N, C-alpha and C. Protein backbone atom coordinates (compact mmCIF):
# COMPACT_ATOMS: atom_id res chain seq x y z
N MET A 1 0.95 -1.29 -0.13
CA MET A 1 0.14 0.13 0.15
C MET A 1 0.73 1.38 -0.14
N ILE A 2 0.53 2.37 -0.72
CA ILE A 2 1.32 3.54 -0.82
C ILE A 2 0.94 4.12 0.53
N GLN A 3 2.27 4.33 1.23
CA GLN A 3 2.15 5.41 2.49
C GLN A 3 1.76 6.77 2.04
N ARG A 4 1.15 7.36 3.13
CA ARG A 4 0.74 8.87 2.96
C ARG A 4 1.81 9.79 3.39
N ARG A 5 2.53 9.30 4.50
CA ARG A 5 3.51 10.06 4.87
C ARG A 5 4.86 10.20 3.83
N ASN A 6 5.49 11.25 4.18
CA ASN A 6 6.89 11.39 3.49
C ASN A 6 6.51 11.17 1.78
N ILE A 7 5.50 12.16 1.50
CA ILE A 7 5.19 12.28 0.24
C ILE A 7 5.55 13.57 -0.32
N GLN A 8 6.08 13.48 -1.48
CA GLN A 8 6.85 14.64 -2.39
C GLN A 8 5.82 14.64 -3.49
N TRP A 9 5.05 15.97 -3.55
CA TRP A 9 4.08 16.05 -4.65
C TRP A 9 4.90 16.93 -5.39
N VAL A 10 4.42 16.46 -6.97
CA VAL A 10 4.48 17.30 -8.26
C VAL A 10 3.40 17.39 -9.06
N VAL A 11 3.08 18.88 -9.48
CA VAL A 11 2.13 19.12 -10.07
C VAL A 11 2.53 19.14 -11.43
N VAL A 12 1.75 18.71 -12.38
CA VAL A 12 2.16 18.71 -14.00
C VAL A 12 0.95 19.32 -14.45
N ILE A 13 1.03 20.59 -15.00
CA ILE A 13 -0.11 20.95 -15.86
C ILE A 13 0.34 20.85 -17.08
N LEU A 14 -0.59 20.11 -17.96
CA LEU A 14 -0.46 19.79 -19.15
C LEU A 14 -1.21 20.70 -20.02
N GLY A 15 -0.73 21.19 -21.40
CA GLY A 15 -1.57 22.05 -22.18
C GLY A 15 -2.83 21.48 -22.64
N PHE A 16 -3.96 22.27 -22.80
CA PHE A 16 -5.34 21.77 -22.96
C PHE A 16 -5.28 21.23 -24.48
N ILE A 17 -4.67 21.74 -25.39
CA ILE A 17 -4.89 21.18 -26.75
C ILE A 17 -3.58 21.06 -27.10
N ALA A 18 -2.97 20.40 -26.42
CA ALA A 18 -1.23 20.04 -26.86
C ALA A 18 -1.27 18.56 -27.56
N SER A 19 -0.67 18.54 -28.86
CA SER A 19 -0.59 17.77 -29.58
C SER A 19 0.76 16.92 -29.35
N GLN A 20 1.63 17.57 -28.72
CA GLN A 20 2.87 16.61 -28.13
C GLN A 20 3.21 16.89 -26.91
N VAL A 21 3.28 15.61 -26.14
CA VAL A 21 3.64 15.61 -24.76
C VAL A 21 4.81 15.15 -24.59
N GLU A 22 5.91 15.87 -24.10
CA GLU A 22 7.26 14.97 -23.75
C GLU A 22 7.07 14.08 -22.55
N SER A 23 7.91 13.09 -22.48
CA SER A 23 8.01 12.20 -21.35
C SER A 23 8.77 12.90 -20.17
N LEU A 24 8.28 12.66 -18.92
CA LEU A 24 8.66 13.28 -17.74
C LEU A 24 9.62 12.38 -16.98
N ARG A 25 10.90 12.92 -16.91
CA ARG A 25 11.96 12.06 -15.91
C ARG A 25 11.95 12.68 -14.44
N PHE A 26 11.95 11.91 -13.46
CA PHE A 26 12.15 12.19 -12.18
C PHE A 26 12.85 11.18 -11.24
N ASP A 27 13.35 11.66 -10.27
CA ASP A 27 14.12 10.70 -9.18
C ASP A 27 13.17 10.38 -8.14
N LEU A 28 12.89 9.39 -7.67
CA LEU A 28 12.08 8.65 -6.48
C LEU A 28 13.20 7.88 -5.55
N GLN A 29 13.31 8.21 -4.03
CA GLN A 29 14.21 7.98 -3.32
C GLN A 29 13.32 6.67 -2.48
N SER A 30 13.99 5.79 -2.34
CA SER A 30 13.35 4.78 -1.58
C SER A 30 12.74 5.06 0.08
N GLY A 31 11.67 4.59 -0.08
CA GLY A 31 10.77 4.80 1.16
C GLY A 31 10.06 5.83 1.08
N LEU A 32 10.10 6.68 0.01
CA LEU A 32 9.25 7.74 -0.13
C LEU A 32 8.15 7.43 -1.37
N THR A 33 7.41 8.80 -1.47
CA THR A 33 6.12 8.48 -2.56
C THR A 33 6.25 10.03 -3.11
N LYS A 34 6.17 9.78 -4.31
CA LYS A 34 5.81 10.97 -5.24
C LYS A 34 4.81 10.60 -6.43
N CYS A 35 3.99 12.21 -6.28
CA CYS A 35 2.52 12.06 -6.53
C CYS A 35 2.66 13.22 -8.19
N ILE A 36 2.09 12.70 -8.95
CA ILE A 36 1.97 13.77 -9.97
C ILE A 36 0.16 14.04 -10.43
N ALA A 37 0.00 15.03 -10.47
CA ALA A 37 -1.52 15.42 -10.52
C ALA A 37 -2.05 16.00 -12.12
N GLU A 38 -3.04 15.65 -12.33
CA GLU A 38 -3.54 16.13 -13.91
C GLU A 38 -4.96 16.28 -13.69
N ASP A 39 -5.31 17.62 -13.94
CA ASP A 39 -6.80 17.85 -14.14
C ASP A 39 -7.53 17.33 -15.52
N ILE A 40 -8.51 16.54 -15.22
CA ILE A 40 -8.98 15.51 -16.38
C ILE A 40 -10.56 15.83 -16.35
N LYS A 41 -11.17 16.29 -17.42
CA LYS A 41 -12.55 16.37 -17.57
C LYS A 41 -13.26 14.90 -17.47
N SER A 42 -14.51 15.33 -17.44
CA SER A 42 -15.32 14.03 -17.60
C SER A 42 -15.25 13.18 -18.91
N HIS A 43 -15.10 12.08 -18.87
CA HIS A 43 -15.20 11.29 -20.34
C HIS A 43 -13.83 11.79 -21.39
N ALA A 44 -13.16 12.10 -20.66
CA ALA A 44 -11.85 12.28 -21.46
C ALA A 44 -11.11 11.44 -21.34
N MET A 45 -10.55 10.82 -22.53
CA MET A 45 -9.44 9.73 -22.65
C MET A 45 -8.22 10.00 -22.21
N THR A 46 -7.48 9.05 -21.43
CA THR A 46 -6.00 9.36 -20.98
C THR A 46 -5.17 8.02 -20.79
N VAL A 47 -4.21 8.32 -21.18
CA VAL A 47 -2.80 7.21 -21.39
C VAL A 47 -1.75 7.68 -20.36
N GLY A 48 -1.30 6.47 -19.85
CA GLY A 48 -0.11 6.89 -19.48
C GLY A 48 0.96 5.35 -19.58
N LYS A 49 2.09 5.62 -19.60
CA LYS A 49 3.35 4.60 -19.23
C LYS A 49 4.42 5.38 -18.54
N TYR A 50 4.78 3.92 -17.92
CA TYR A 50 5.85 4.41 -16.92
C TYR A 50 7.43 3.41 -17.05
N GLN A 51 8.22 3.75 -16.75
CA GLN A 51 9.29 2.62 -16.47
C GLN A 51 10.68 3.19 -15.76
N ILE A 52 11.10 2.46 -14.97
CA ILE A 52 12.44 2.36 -14.63
C ILE A 52 13.42 2.60 -15.33
N VAL A 53 14.43 3.83 -14.98
CA VAL A 53 15.36 3.81 -16.13
C VAL A 53 16.71 2.89 -15.58
N ASN A 54 17.25 2.02 -16.27
CA ASN A 54 18.38 1.14 -15.77
C ASN A 54 19.58 1.68 -15.75
N PRO A 55 20.25 2.06 -14.34
CA PRO A 55 21.38 2.84 -14.14
C PRO A 55 22.37 2.12 -14.78
N ASN A 56 22.32 0.76 -15.02
CA ASN A 56 23.82 0.24 -15.62
C ASN A 56 22.95 -0.46 -16.96
N GLU A 57 23.18 0.38 -18.05
CA GLU A 57 22.69 -0.09 -19.25
C GLU A 57 23.31 -1.40 -19.61
N GLY A 58 22.70 -2.43 -20.23
CA GLY A 58 23.24 -3.93 -20.46
C GLY A 58 23.08 -4.54 -19.60
N TYR A 59 22.90 -4.35 -18.27
CA TYR A 59 22.80 -5.28 -17.31
C TYR A 59 21.34 -5.20 -16.47
N PRO A 60 21.03 -6.43 -15.97
CA PRO A 60 19.68 -6.54 -15.38
C PRO A 60 19.26 -5.47 -14.27
N LEU A 61 18.05 -4.95 -14.03
CA LEU A 61 17.75 -3.97 -13.25
C LEU A 61 18.13 -4.83 -11.75
N PRO A 62 18.57 -4.09 -10.65
CA PRO A 62 18.65 -4.52 -9.35
C PRO A 62 17.20 -4.97 -8.84
N ASP A 63 17.27 -5.54 -7.90
CA ASP A 63 16.14 -6.02 -7.20
C ASP A 63 15.52 -4.92 -6.47
N THR A 64 16.19 -3.70 -6.07
CA THR A 64 15.50 -2.64 -5.19
C THR A 64 14.74 -1.94 -6.20
N HIS A 65 14.98 -2.07 -7.37
CA HIS A 65 14.57 -0.94 -8.22
C HIS A 65 13.02 -1.66 -8.88
N LYS A 66 12.16 -1.21 -7.98
CA LYS A 66 11.05 -1.67 -8.11
C LYS A 66 10.08 -0.79 -7.55
N VAL A 67 8.75 -0.55 -8.31
CA VAL A 67 7.85 0.74 -7.36
C VAL A 67 6.45 0.09 -7.45
N THR A 68 5.55 0.43 -6.66
CA THR A 68 4.10 0.64 -6.81
C THR A 68 3.56 1.83 -7.19
N VAL A 69 2.72 1.66 -7.98
CA VAL A 69 1.82 2.61 -8.68
C VAL A 69 0.64 2.58 -8.73
N ARG A 70 0.12 3.56 -8.35
CA ARG A 70 -1.47 3.79 -8.16
C ARG A 70 -2.23 5.10 -9.04
N VAL A 71 -2.95 4.83 -9.59
CA VAL A 71 -3.64 6.02 -10.13
C VAL A 71 -5.18 6.35 -9.76
N THR A 72 -5.52 7.41 -8.86
CA THR A 72 -6.62 7.45 -8.53
C THR A 72 -7.45 8.67 -8.65
N SER A 73 -8.77 8.72 -8.61
CA SER A 73 -9.33 9.95 -9.04
C SER A 73 -9.53 10.71 -7.97
N THR A 74 -10.15 12.21 -8.00
CA THR A 74 -10.34 12.98 -7.21
C THR A 74 -11.11 12.63 -6.06
N TYR A 75 -12.01 11.59 -6.25
CA TYR A 75 -12.98 10.77 -5.08
C TYR A 75 -12.30 9.48 -4.58
N GLY A 76 -11.28 9.41 -4.95
CA GLY A 76 -10.43 8.19 -4.42
C GLY A 76 -10.89 6.91 -5.16
N ASN A 77 -11.31 6.78 -6.47
CA ASN A 77 -11.56 5.69 -6.96
C ASN A 77 -10.31 5.18 -8.07
N THR A 78 -9.89 3.97 -7.65
CA THR A 78 -8.95 3.18 -8.37
C THR A 78 -8.83 2.93 -9.49
N TYR A 79 -8.08 3.52 -10.87
CA TYR A 79 -8.04 3.23 -12.02
C TYR A 79 -7.10 2.41 -12.86
N HIS A 80 -5.89 2.28 -11.72
CA HIS A 80 -4.85 1.50 -12.21
C HIS A 80 -3.97 1.24 -11.03
N GLN A 81 -3.37 0.15 -10.65
CA GLN A 81 -2.50 -0.17 -9.49
C GLN A 81 -1.58 -1.34 -10.10
N GLY A 82 -0.36 -1.01 -9.82
CA GLY A 82 0.90 -2.18 -10.18
C GLY A 82 1.86 -2.31 -8.86
N ASP A 83 1.80 -3.35 -8.55
CA ASP A 83 2.61 -3.64 -7.20
C ASP A 83 4.03 -4.16 -7.64
N ASN A 84 5.27 -3.68 -7.12
CA ASN A 84 6.28 -4.01 -7.25
C ASN A 84 6.71 -4.45 -8.82
N VAL A 85 6.64 -3.29 -9.43
CA VAL A 85 6.59 -3.36 -11.12
C VAL A 85 8.30 -2.67 -11.57
N VAL A 86 8.20 -2.75 -12.73
CA VAL A 86 9.70 -2.06 -13.42
C VAL A 86 9.08 -1.17 -14.23
N GLU A 87 7.96 -1.41 -14.66
CA GLU A 87 7.34 -0.57 -15.98
C GLU A 87 5.87 -1.00 -15.96
N GLY A 88 5.01 0.04 -16.74
CA GLY A 88 3.44 -0.38 -16.77
C GLY A 88 2.97 0.55 -17.63
N HIS A 89 1.76 0.33 -18.06
CA HIS A 89 0.95 1.33 -18.63
C HIS A 89 -0.78 1.28 -18.18
N PHE A 90 -1.62 2.32 -18.43
CA PHE A 90 -2.73 2.57 -18.27
C PHE A 90 -3.39 3.46 -19.31
N ALA A 91 -4.95 3.17 -19.19
CA ALA A 91 -5.48 4.01 -20.46
C ALA A 91 -6.92 3.67 -19.80
N PHE A 92 -7.53 4.74 -19.62
CA PHE A 92 -9.13 4.73 -19.42
C PHE A 92 -9.76 5.91 -19.48
N GLU A 93 -11.34 5.97 -19.86
CA GLU A 93 -11.84 7.33 -19.62
C GLU A 93 -12.25 7.70 -18.61
N ALA A 94 -12.17 8.99 -18.07
CA ALA A 94 -12.41 9.75 -16.74
C ALA A 94 -13.79 9.42 -16.42
N ALA A 95 -14.39 8.69 -15.63
CA ALA A 95 -15.73 8.64 -15.35
C ALA A 95 -16.14 10.30 -14.57
N GLU A 96 -15.32 10.71 -13.79
CA GLU A 96 -15.86 12.08 -13.41
C GLU A 96 -14.52 12.89 -13.46
N ALA A 97 -14.77 14.27 -13.27
CA ALA A 97 -14.12 15.29 -13.61
C ALA A 97 -13.37 15.72 -12.21
N GLY A 98 -12.00 16.24 -12.39
CA GLY A 98 -11.29 16.81 -11.35
C GLY A 98 -9.74 16.23 -11.38
N ASP A 99 -9.03 16.39 -10.48
CA ASP A 99 -7.82 15.93 -10.25
C ASP A 99 -7.71 14.63 -10.19
N TYR A 100 -6.75 14.06 -11.05
CA TYR A 100 -6.46 12.48 -10.99
C TYR A 100 -4.92 12.61 -10.65
N MET A 101 -4.65 11.47 -9.59
CA MET A 101 -3.11 11.25 -9.19
C MET A 101 -2.63 10.06 -9.35
N THR A 102 -1.28 10.15 -10.10
CA THR A 102 -0.32 8.83 -10.15
C THR A 102 0.71 8.92 -9.30
N CYS A 103 0.70 8.35 -8.49
CA CYS A 103 1.53 8.01 -7.21
C CYS A 103 2.70 6.80 -7.42
N PHE A 104 3.77 6.88 -7.15
CA PHE A 104 4.80 6.36 -7.18
C PHE A 104 5.59 6.09 -5.73
N PHE A 105 5.71 4.67 -5.18
CA PHE A 105 5.90 4.53 -3.90
C PHE A 105 7.35 3.45 -4.22
N ALA A 106 8.26 3.71 -3.67
CA ALA A 106 9.45 2.99 -3.57
C ALA A 106 9.62 2.25 -2.20
N ALA A 107 9.94 1.14 -2.08
CA ALA A 107 10.10 0.32 -0.88
C ALA A 107 11.43 0.96 -0.04
N ASP A 108 11.24 1.25 1.28
CA ASP A 108 12.47 1.42 1.96
C ASP A 108 13.73 0.47 1.90
N HIS A 109 14.93 0.78 1.38
CA HIS A 109 16.08 0.03 1.49
C HIS A 109 17.11 0.67 2.48
N LYS A 110 17.98 -0.17 2.89
CA LYS A 110 19.13 0.34 3.63
C LYS A 110 20.62 -0.31 3.22
N PRO A 111 21.16 0.45 2.46
CA PRO A 111 21.13 1.68 2.24
C PRO A 111 20.26 2.66 1.22
N PRO A 112 19.66 3.63 1.69
CA PRO A 112 18.44 4.21 0.54
C PRO A 112 19.22 4.25 -0.77
N VAL A 113 18.29 3.98 -1.87
CA VAL A 113 18.53 4.16 -3.13
C VAL A 113 17.95 4.92 -3.81
N THR A 114 18.22 5.54 -5.17
CA THR A 114 17.56 6.54 -5.46
C THR A 114 17.06 5.70 -7.06
N LEU A 115 15.86 6.04 -7.67
CA LEU A 115 15.62 5.31 -8.58
C LEU A 115 15.14 6.49 -9.71
N SER A 116 15.19 6.35 -10.96
CA SER A 116 14.75 7.29 -11.96
C SER A 116 13.80 6.76 -12.83
N LEU A 117 12.86 7.38 -13.07
CA LEU A 117 11.60 6.95 -13.74
C LEU A 117 11.30 7.53 -14.90
N ASP A 118 10.54 7.11 -16.20
CA ASP A 118 10.50 7.94 -16.97
C ASP A 118 8.79 7.87 -16.99
N PHE A 119 8.01 8.98 -17.13
CA PHE A 119 6.64 8.79 -17.13
C PHE A 119 6.12 9.60 -18.56
N ASP A 120 5.13 9.15 -19.01
CA ASP A 120 4.14 10.02 -19.80
C ASP A 120 2.96 9.76 -19.95
N TRP A 121 2.49 10.95 -19.56
CA TRP A 121 0.75 11.04 -19.37
C TRP A 121 0.07 11.85 -20.41
N ARG A 122 -0.59 11.44 -21.08
CA ARG A 122 -1.20 12.06 -21.99
C ARG A 122 -2.83 12.35 -21.95
N THR A 123 -3.57 13.02 -22.12
CA THR A 123 -5.02 13.38 -21.92
C THR A 123 -5.52 14.16 -22.94
N GLY A 124 -6.83 13.61 -23.04
CA GLY A 124 -7.50 14.59 -24.30
C GLY A 124 -7.18 13.99 -25.68
N VAL A 125 -6.92 15.24 -26.18
CA VAL A 125 -6.68 15.19 -27.74
C VAL A 125 -5.22 14.64 -27.65
N ALA A 126 -4.17 14.92 -26.89
CA ALA A 126 -2.83 14.28 -26.86
C ALA A 126 -2.88 12.84 -26.59
N ALA A 127 -4.06 12.17 -26.11
CA ALA A 127 -3.89 11.17 -25.53
C ALA A 127 -4.01 9.79 -27.11
N LYS A 128 -4.43 10.74 -27.99
CA LYS A 128 -4.63 9.75 -29.10
C LYS A 128 -3.45 9.68 -30.07
N ASP A 129 -3.14 8.46 -30.17
CA ASP A 129 -2.09 8.20 -31.13
C ASP A 129 -2.28 8.52 -32.57
N TRP A 130 -1.90 9.78 -33.04
CA TRP A 130 -2.39 9.96 -34.59
C TRP A 130 -1.81 9.54 -35.38
N THR A 131 -0.39 9.16 -35.33
CA THR A 131 0.88 8.53 -36.18
C THR A 131 -0.03 7.34 -36.59
N SER A 132 -0.63 6.51 -35.34
CA SER A 132 -1.18 5.20 -35.88
C SER A 132 -2.39 5.44 -36.48
N VAL A 133 -3.24 6.52 -36.34
CA VAL A 133 -4.42 6.59 -37.14
C VAL A 133 -4.15 6.78 -38.67
N ALA A 134 -3.17 7.56 -38.79
CA ALA A 134 -2.63 7.73 -40.04
C ALA A 134 -2.30 6.61 -41.02
N LYS A 135 -1.22 5.82 -40.31
CA LYS A 135 -0.90 4.67 -40.85
C LYS A 135 -1.92 3.54 -41.09
N LYS A 136 -3.02 3.38 -39.99
CA LYS A 136 -3.86 2.50 -40.21
C LYS A 136 -4.91 2.81 -41.26
N GLY A 137 -5.27 4.07 -41.47
CA GLY A 137 -6.24 4.43 -42.31
C GLY A 137 -5.63 5.01 -43.56
N SER A 138 -4.53 5.10 -43.81
CA SER A 138 -3.43 5.56 -44.94
C SER A 138 -4.23 6.61 -45.65
N VAL A 139 -4.62 7.66 -44.76
CA VAL A 139 -5.51 8.97 -44.85
C VAL A 139 -4.48 9.87 -45.76
N GLU A 140 -4.56 10.74 -46.50
CA GLU A 140 -3.85 11.72 -47.01
C GLU A 140 -3.26 12.55 -45.87
N ILE A 141 -2.26 13.24 -45.73
CA ILE A 141 -1.98 14.38 -44.86
C ILE A 141 -2.83 15.35 -44.67
N MET A 142 -3.42 15.91 -45.82
CA MET A 142 -4.38 16.79 -45.24
C MET A 142 -5.87 16.57 -44.40
N GLU A 143 -6.07 15.32 -44.71
CA GLU A 143 -7.08 14.79 -44.13
C GLU A 143 -6.69 14.44 -42.52
N PHE A 144 -5.33 13.98 -42.47
CA PHE A 144 -4.92 13.82 -41.18
C PHE A 144 -4.97 14.97 -40.17
N GLU A 145 -4.44 16.05 -40.82
CA GLU A 145 -4.63 17.39 -40.22
C GLU A 145 -5.59 17.85 -39.89
N LEU A 146 -6.57 17.61 -40.72
CA LEU A 146 -8.10 17.92 -40.40
C LEU A 146 -8.61 17.29 -39.47
N LYS A 147 -8.39 16.21 -39.15
CA LYS A 147 -8.67 15.33 -37.98
C LYS A 147 -8.42 15.78 -36.62
N LYS A 148 -6.99 16.44 -36.82
CA LYS A 148 -6.38 16.69 -35.67
C LYS A 148 -7.15 18.08 -35.16
N ILE A 149 -7.39 18.97 -36.18
CA ILE A 149 -8.10 20.24 -36.05
C ILE A 149 -9.51 20.18 -35.68
N LEU A 150 -10.09 19.06 -35.99
CA LEU A 150 -11.41 18.84 -35.42
C LEU A 150 -11.42 18.35 -34.16
N GLU A 151 -10.74 17.45 -33.72
CA GLU A 151 -10.57 17.21 -32.20
C GLU A 151 -10.20 18.40 -31.47
N ASN A 152 -9.44 19.23 -32.08
CA ASN A 152 -9.19 20.32 -31.10
C ASN A 152 -10.21 21.33 -31.11
N VAL A 153 -11.07 21.38 -31.92
CA VAL A 153 -12.25 22.25 -32.24
C VAL A 153 -13.06 21.68 -30.95
N LYS A 154 -13.44 20.32 -30.95
CA LYS A 154 -14.42 20.06 -30.01
C LYS A 154 -13.83 19.84 -28.62
N ALA A 155 -12.78 20.10 -28.62
CA ALA A 155 -11.93 20.25 -27.16
C ALA A 155 -12.23 21.61 -26.61
N ILE A 156 -11.86 22.61 -27.61
CA ILE A 156 -12.31 23.99 -27.18
C ILE A 156 -14.05 24.24 -27.00
N HIS A 157 -14.80 23.39 -28.15
CA HIS A 157 -16.14 23.69 -27.80
C HIS A 157 -16.41 23.17 -26.16
N ASP A 158 -16.12 22.19 -25.88
CA ASP A 158 -16.55 21.59 -24.69
C ASP A 158 -15.96 22.65 -23.57
N GLU A 159 -14.87 22.98 -23.51
CA GLU A 159 -14.15 23.77 -22.49
C GLU A 159 -14.95 25.04 -22.37
N MET A 160 -15.53 25.67 -23.60
CA MET A 160 -16.35 26.85 -23.59
C MET A 160 -17.62 26.68 -22.78
N PHE A 161 -18.16 25.35 -23.07
CA PHE A 161 -19.52 25.07 -22.28
C PHE A 161 -19.17 24.84 -20.93
N PHE A 162 -17.91 24.24 -20.47
CA PHE A 162 -17.63 24.16 -19.11
C PHE A 162 -17.60 25.55 -18.68
N LEU A 163 -17.03 26.29 -19.10
CA LEU A 163 -16.70 27.53 -18.59
C LEU A 163 -18.11 28.23 -18.40
N ARG A 164 -18.91 27.88 -19.42
CA ARG A 164 -20.29 28.74 -19.18
C ARG A 164 -21.01 28.12 -18.07
N GLU A 165 -21.00 26.98 -17.75
CA GLU A 165 -21.51 26.44 -16.54
C GLU A 165 -21.21 26.96 -15.46
N ARG A 166 -19.71 26.84 -15.09
CA ARG A 166 -19.00 27.37 -13.99
C ARG A 166 -19.64 29.09 -13.75
N GLU A 167 -19.60 29.79 -15.17
CA GLU A 167 -20.09 31.34 -14.75
C GLU A 167 -21.44 31.49 -14.60
N ALA A 168 -22.41 30.34 -14.99
CA ALA A 168 -23.53 30.60 -14.22
C ALA A 168 -23.85 30.03 -12.86
N GLU A 169 -22.91 29.29 -12.60
CA GLU A 169 -23.02 28.99 -10.89
C GLU A 169 -22.51 29.92 -10.12
N MET A 170 -21.36 30.74 -10.57
CA MET A 170 -20.99 31.72 -9.98
C MET A 170 -21.79 32.80 -10.09
N GLN A 171 -22.87 32.83 -10.98
CA GLN A 171 -23.80 34.05 -11.20
C GLN A 171 -25.01 33.91 -10.08
N GLU A 172 -25.36 32.47 -10.04
CA GLU A 172 -26.37 32.16 -9.17
C GLU A 172 -25.90 32.31 -7.59
N LEU A 173 -24.56 31.88 -7.34
CA LEU A 173 -24.20 32.12 -6.06
C LEU A 173 -24.08 33.64 -5.54
N ASN A 174 -23.71 34.38 -6.40
CA ASN A 174 -23.75 35.95 -6.34
C ASN A 174 -25.14 36.36 -6.16
N ARG A 175 -26.36 35.91 -6.95
CA ARG A 175 -27.42 36.13 -6.32
C ARG A 175 -27.98 35.78 -5.24
N SER A 176 -27.89 34.58 -5.05
CA SER A 176 -28.11 33.78 -3.57
C SER A 176 -27.54 35.03 -2.37
N THR A 177 -26.10 35.14 -2.72
CA THR A 177 -25.31 35.89 -1.59
C THR A 177 -26.11 37.08 -1.26
N ASN A 178 -26.42 37.77 -2.62
CA ASN A 178 -26.75 39.43 -2.59
C ASN A 178 -28.35 39.35 -1.92
N SER A 179 -29.19 38.54 -2.14
CA SER A 179 -30.29 38.02 -1.22
C SER A 179 -30.13 37.92 0.08
N LYS A 180 -29.28 37.42 0.54
CA LYS A 180 -29.01 36.97 1.95
C LYS A 180 -28.46 38.19 2.63
N MET A 181 -27.57 38.96 1.98
CA MET A 181 -27.15 39.96 2.44
C MET A 181 -28.40 41.21 2.75
N ALA A 182 -29.20 41.15 1.53
CA ALA A 182 -30.05 41.92 1.68
C ALA A 182 -31.06 41.71 2.89
N TRP A 183 -31.41 40.47 3.21
CA TRP A 183 -32.26 40.15 4.36
C TRP A 183 -31.40 40.71 5.45
N MET A 184 -30.24 40.00 5.57
CA MET A 184 -29.39 40.68 6.74
C MET A 184 -29.38 41.83 7.19
N THR A 185 -29.40 42.49 6.10
CA THR A 185 -29.20 44.40 6.07
C THR A 185 -30.54 44.93 6.66
N GLY A 186 -31.62 44.15 6.32
CA GLY A 186 -32.91 44.73 6.53
C GLY A 186 -33.25 44.04 8.03
N LEU A 187 -32.78 43.08 8.38
CA LEU A 187 -32.83 42.43 9.76
C LEU A 187 -32.17 43.14 10.89
N SER A 188 -30.89 43.58 10.51
CA SER A 188 -29.91 44.63 11.07
C SER A 188 -30.69 45.76 11.42
N ILE A 189 -31.17 46.46 10.46
CA ILE A 189 -31.89 47.84 10.54
C ILE A 189 -33.05 47.83 11.40
N PHE A 190 -33.81 46.58 11.28
CA PHE A 190 -35.12 46.31 12.03
C PHE A 190 -34.50 46.18 13.50
N LEU A 191 -33.74 45.54 13.62
CA LEU A 191 -33.07 45.38 15.28
C LEU A 191 -32.66 46.67 15.53
N CYS A 192 -31.85 47.20 14.97
CA CYS A 192 -31.35 48.63 15.43
C CYS A 192 -32.20 49.73 15.84
N LEU A 193 -33.39 49.57 14.86
CA LEU A 193 -34.74 50.49 15.23
C LEU A 193 -35.59 50.22 16.58
N GLY A 194 -35.46 48.90 16.50
CA GLY A 194 -36.14 48.21 17.53
C GLY A 194 -35.55 48.34 19.24
N VAL A 195 -34.08 48.60 18.85
CA VAL A 195 -33.46 48.54 20.45
C VAL A 195 -33.47 50.22 20.37
N ALA A 196 -33.44 50.87 19.54
CA ALA A 196 -33.35 52.24 19.57
C ALA A 196 -34.78 52.71 20.39
N GLY A 197 -35.85 52.28 19.58
CA GLY A 197 -37.24 52.43 20.40
C GLY A 197 -37.34 52.02 21.81
N LEU A 198 -36.85 51.21 22.10
CA LEU A 198 -36.88 50.64 23.58
C LEU A 198 -35.95 51.57 24.08
N GLN A 199 -35.17 51.80 23.92
CA GLN A 199 -33.87 52.67 24.69
C GLN A 199 -34.73 54.08 24.95
N LEU A 200 -35.34 54.44 23.72
CA LEU A 200 -36.23 56.07 24.17
C LEU A 200 -37.36 55.64 25.17
N TRP A 201 -38.14 54.64 24.97
CA TRP A 201 -39.20 54.31 26.06
C TRP A 201 -38.98 54.31 27.48
N HIS A 202 -37.76 53.72 27.63
CA HIS A 202 -36.97 53.31 28.88
C HIS A 202 -36.77 54.65 29.51
N LEU A 203 -36.12 55.28 28.48
CA LEU A 203 -35.52 56.76 29.11
C LEU A 203 -36.83 57.73 29.28
N LYS A 204 -37.75 57.56 28.68
CA LYS A 204 -38.99 58.35 29.03
C LYS A 204 -39.67 58.12 30.19
N THR A 205 -39.88 56.46 30.45
CA THR A 205 -40.23 56.12 31.42
C THR A 205 -39.66 56.41 32.86
N PHE A 206 -38.26 56.32 32.86
CA PHE A 206 -37.32 56.89 33.77
C PHE A 206 -37.60 58.28 34.35
N PHE A 207 -37.59 59.08 33.08
CA PHE A 207 -38.08 60.62 33.65
C PHE A 207 -39.10 60.82 34.00
N GLU A 208 -40.12 60.21 33.86
CA GLU A 208 -41.44 60.28 34.09
C GLU A 208 -41.78 59.94 35.57
N LYS A 209 -40.78 58.85 36.02
CA LYS A 209 -40.98 58.43 37.19
C LYS A 209 -40.24 59.45 38.35
N LYS A 210 -39.12 59.93 37.52
CA LYS A 210 -38.36 60.98 38.48
C LYS A 210 -38.87 62.43 38.44
N LYS A 211 -40.06 62.27 37.73
CA LYS A 211 -40.83 63.61 37.47
C LYS A 211 -39.97 64.71 36.83
N LEU A 212 -39.13 64.28 35.83
CA LEU A 212 -38.16 65.06 35.06
C LEU A 212 -38.76 65.82 33.89
N ILE A 213 -39.95 65.02 33.54
CA ILE A 213 -40.83 65.59 32.12
C ILE A 213 -42.28 65.54 32.58
């Protein structure tokens, strides 16, 4: 199980309509966990692959060079898990929108060892292997480019609707807040007037008893 303590957080923000995504290489010390977050929209495709870099090329990987990998959604649902592996990959369609976490955990060793990992995570348009599409379909270059543009337009269209929904939610929140503030302001004025009236009545009664008025 991936430990929650000693976690190093790495946040990777990928371009929304990027067509090329470079592989990420990072170091992971034994006994620690490193997590990478990606904001994924609902029903968006995402693919990822990871591999431990062999420190001694041409020789087998040491037994200490293994990691436990877990991919979870913002609600804690697990989409991929690999235990004590040297490489792996995952692919899924996001069921819910939010931050998805890919966490790498290296078991503790004495003396400590440092592992280098290559990690490639693609989401949305970038998750589609356009080279394979072009080869399998034997399409012309122009048609190939048009397909890429169409996917980008669809992605932008979805983003615009998402922003509109967020704007509508914010407007509704503002209206609700303004309405509550108006009620609170009216109630405060009513209470202030009531207290002032009671004070005047009390002073009048006091002065009448003292026969000052």
